[in-house]
N, C-alpha and C. Protein backbone atom coordinates (compact mmCIF):
# COMPACT_ATOMS: atom_id res chain seq x y z
N MET A 1 6.43 10.92 -14.56
CA MET A 1 7.68 10.34 -14.85
C MET A 1 8.28 10.83 -16.63
N SER A 2 8.94 10.69 -16.42
CA SER A 2 9.34 11.43 -17.88
C SER A 2 10.09 10.45 -19.08
N ARG A 3 10.07 9.46 -18.72
CA ARG A 3 10.38 8.04 -19.56
C ARG A 3 9.87 6.79 -19.21
N LYS A 4 9.40 6.03 -20.00
CA LYS A 4 8.98 4.67 -19.98
C LYS A 4 9.47 3.41 -20.51
N ILE A 5 9.51 2.65 -19.46
CA ILE A 5 9.86 1.09 -20.42
C ILE A 5 8.86 0.24 -20.78
N ILE A 6 8.55 -0.27 -21.85
CA ILE A 6 7.39 -1.34 -22.30
C ILE A 6 8.37 -2.88 -22.73
N ILE A 7 7.53 -3.70 -21.32
CA ILE A 7 8.29 -4.64 -21.58
C ILE A 7 7.47 -6.00 -21.45
N LYS A 8 7.70 -7.14 -22.11
CA LYS A 8 6.27 -7.80 -22.27
C LYS A 8 6.61 -8.70 -20.90
N THR A 9 5.68 -9.28 -20.47
CA THR A 9 5.78 -10.13 -18.92
C THR A 9 6.62 -10.98 -19.41
N ASP A 10 6.62 -12.02 -20.25
CA ASP A 10 7.51 -12.99 -20.22
C ASP A 10 8.95 -12.98 -20.35
N ASP A 11 9.52 -11.45 -20.88
CA ASP A 11 10.65 -11.12 -21.41
C ASP A 11 11.07 -10.60 -19.46
N LEU A 12 10.41 -9.60 -18.74
CA LEU A 12 10.31 -9.19 -17.63
C LEU A 12 10.83 -10.49 -16.48
N ASP A 13 9.54 -11.74 -16.68
CA ASP A 13 9.62 -12.55 -15.88
C ASP A 13 11.16 -13.73 -16.29
N LYS A 14 11.42 -13.21 -17.41
CA LYS A 14 12.78 -14.35 -17.72
C LYS A 14 14.21 -13.54 -17.24
N GLU A 15 13.95 -12.24 -17.24
CA GLU A 15 15.11 -11.47 -16.74
C GLU A 15 15.83 -11.37 -15.03
N ILE A 16 13.80 -11.73 -14.42
CA ILE A 16 13.97 -11.70 -13.18
C ILE A 16 14.65 -13.05 -12.90
N ARG A 17 14.09 -14.01 -13.53
CA ARG A 17 14.38 -15.58 -13.03
C ARG A 17 15.91 -15.27 -13.44
N SER A 18 16.83 -15.18 -14.33
CA SER A 18 18.04 -15.28 -14.73
C SER A 18 18.67 -14.55 -13.20
N PHE A 19 18.05 -13.25 -12.72
CA PHE A 19 18.89 -12.37 -11.81
C PHE A 19 18.88 -13.34 -10.71
N LEU A 20 17.89 -13.96 -10.54
CA LEU A 20 17.88 -14.61 -9.15
C LEU A 20 18.77 -15.78 -9.12
N ARG A 21 18.39 -16.41 -10.40
CA ARG A 21 19.72 -17.66 -9.99
C ARG A 21 20.89 -16.78 -9.90
N ASP A 22 21.60 -15.97 -10.97
CA ASP A 22 23.05 -15.45 -10.47
C ASP A 22 23.18 -15.17 -8.95
N VAL A 23 22.02 -14.14 -8.47
CA VAL A 23 21.74 -14.14 -6.76
C VAL A 23 22.29 -15.50 -6.05
N GLY A 24 21.41 -16.26 -6.32
CA GLY A 24 21.60 -17.33 -5.54
C GLY A 24 22.42 -18.27 -5.59
N ALA A 25 23.58 -18.11 -6.70
CA ALA A 25 24.83 -18.92 -6.93
C ALA A 25 24.43 -20.29 -7.38
N ASP A 26 23.46 -20.53 -7.98
CA ASP A 26 23.08 -21.78 -9.02
C ASP A 26 22.52 -22.67 -7.37
N MET A 27 21.99 -22.10 -6.74
CA MET A 27 21.47 -22.88 -5.40
C MET A 27 20.09 -23.44 -5.75
N PRO A 28 19.51 -24.95 -5.37
CA PRO A 28 17.91 -24.90 -5.94
C PRO A 28 17.19 -24.64 -5.41
N ILE A 29 16.43 -23.28 -6.01
CA ILE A 29 15.69 -22.58 -4.87
C ILE A 29 14.63 -22.83 -6.44
N ASP A 30 13.34 -23.19 -5.69
CA ASP A 30 12.61 -22.58 -6.58
C ASP A 30 11.79 -21.73 -6.26
N TRP A 31 11.80 -20.79 -7.06
CA TRP A 31 11.10 -19.33 -6.69
C TRP A 31 9.57 -19.45 -7.31
N ASN A 32 8.64 -19.33 -6.16
CA ASN A 32 7.28 -19.59 -6.29
C ASN A 32 6.70 -17.90 -6.99
N VAL A 33 5.49 -18.60 -7.27
CA VAL A 33 5.10 -17.01 -8.04
C VAL A 33 5.07 -15.73 -7.25
N GLU A 34 4.65 -15.69 -5.50
CA GLU A 34 4.91 -14.90 -4.56
C GLU A 34 6.15 -14.25 -4.31
N ALA A 35 7.04 -15.11 -4.40
CA ALA A 35 8.21 -14.18 -4.59
C ALA A 35 8.40 -13.61 -5.67
N LEU A 36 8.36 -13.86 -6.95
CA LEU A 36 8.56 -13.34 -7.91
C LEU A 36 8.06 -11.97 -8.63
N ASP A 37 6.62 -11.67 -7.66
CA ASP A 37 5.67 -10.86 -7.66
C ASP A 37 6.45 -9.52 -6.80
N GLN A 38 6.83 -10.01 -5.66
CA GLN A 38 7.60 -9.48 -4.70
C GLN A 38 9.05 -8.31 -5.44
N VAL A 39 9.66 -9.62 -6.03
CA VAL A 39 10.56 -8.80 -7.08
C VAL A 39 10.06 -7.91 -7.97
N LYS A 40 9.21 -8.34 -8.99
CA LYS A 40 8.83 -7.77 -9.71
C LYS A 40 8.10 -6.08 -8.97
N ASN A 41 7.36 -6.07 -8.13
CA ASN A 41 6.67 -4.55 -7.53
C ASN A 41 8.34 -4.09 -7.21
N ALA A 42 9.10 -4.78 -6.74
CA ALA A 42 10.49 -4.16 -6.37
C ALA A 42 11.32 -3.03 -7.38
N VAL A 43 11.18 -3.97 -8.27
CA VAL A 43 12.19 -3.22 -9.85
C VAL A 43 11.17 -2.18 -10.40
N ILE A 44 9.67 -2.36 -10.49
CA ILE A 44 9.33 -1.21 -10.75
C ILE A 44 9.19 -0.24 -9.64
N GLU A 45 8.79 -0.87 -8.85
CA GLU A 45 9.03 0.87 -7.53
C GLU A 45 10.48 1.26 -7.52
N ALA A 46 11.55 0.79 -7.88
CA ALA A 46 12.75 1.55 -7.90
C ALA A 46 12.94 2.06 -8.98
N PHE A 47 12.78 1.26 -10.59
CA PHE A 47 12.32 2.51 -11.79
C PHE A 47 11.51 3.65 -11.16
N LYS A 48 10.05 3.35 -10.28
CA LYS A 48 9.23 4.64 -10.54
C LYS A 48 10.25 5.80 -9.93
N LYS A 49 11.19 5.20 -8.58
CA LYS A 49 11.52 6.21 -7.79
C LYS A 49 12.83 7.21 -8.67
N MET A 50 13.39 6.24 -9.73
CA MET A 50 14.23 7.04 -10.65
C MET A 50 13.44 7.95 -12.20
N GLY A 51 12.31 8.25 -11.58
CA GLY A 51 11.99 9.04 -12.73
C GLY A 51 10.85 8.04 -13.91
N VAL A 52 11.36 6.72 -13.92
CA VAL A 52 11.19 5.69 -15.32
C VAL A 52 9.86 5.05 -14.87
N GLY A 53 8.99 4.82 -15.67
CA GLY A 53 7.50 4.07 -15.65
C GLY A 53 8.10 2.71 -16.41
N ILE A 54 7.41 1.65 -15.96
CA ILE A 54 7.64 0.35 -16.30
C ILE A 54 6.09 0.10 -16.69
N GLU A 55 6.16 -0.19 -18.26
CA GLU A 55 4.64 -0.58 -18.22
C GLU A 55 4.58 -2.21 -19.10
N VAL A 56 4.33 -3.04 -18.64
CA VAL A 56 4.63 -4.40 -18.81
C VAL A 56 2.98 -5.15 -19.79
N GLU A 57 3.37 -5.13 -20.95
CA GLU A 57 2.52 -5.87 -21.79
C GLU A 57 2.09 -7.26 -21.24
N ASP A 58 0.97 -8.00 -21.15
CA ASP A 58 0.35 -8.64 -21.03
C ASP A 58 0.45 -9.97 -22.04
N ARG A 59 0.98 -11.19 -22.09
CA ARG A 59 0.86 -11.69 -23.04
C ARG A 59 -0.57 -12.30 -23.66
N ARG A 60 -1.26 -12.23 -22.66
CA ARG A 60 -2.56 -12.68 -23.26
C ARG A 60 -3.51 -11.98 -23.74
N SER A 61 -3.15 -10.85 -23.96
CA SER A 61 -3.88 -9.58 -24.51
C SER A 61 -3.26 -8.62 -25.44
N ALA A 62 -3.60 -8.07 -26.43
CA ALA A 62 -2.67 -6.97 -27.07
C ALA A 62 -2.82 -5.65 -26.03
N SER A 63 -3.28 -5.63 -25.43
CA SER A 63 -2.93 -4.52 -24.27
C SER A 63 -1.75 -4.42 -23.22
N ALA A 64 -1.56 -3.33 -22.97
CA ALA A 64 -0.25 -3.04 -22.28
C ALA A 64 -1.39 -3.17 -20.66
N ASN A 65 -0.86 -3.21 -19.54
CA ASN A 65 -0.86 -3.38 -18.17
C ASN A 65 0.10 -2.55 -17.66
N LEU A 66 -0.37 -1.45 -16.96
CA LEU A 66 0.72 -0.99 -15.76
C LEU A 66 0.48 -1.72 -14.71
N TRP A 67 1.79 -1.91 -13.91
CA TRP A 67 1.90 -2.72 -12.80
C TRP A 67 2.45 -1.34 -11.67
């Protein structure tokens, strides 16, 4: 991979939830942890296919985790 994006876990979660709300046309859907994880993994895999790594910074520690 030639490029890498570093994003905080909270920021990634916020962006995914915003996207899902937009796609869901404001339907009252409760996105559970398992559903959000599937979307996160799909986003990370899509970027990987484009040659871009996503490094997610865990909010509980100063170290970064690669998903």
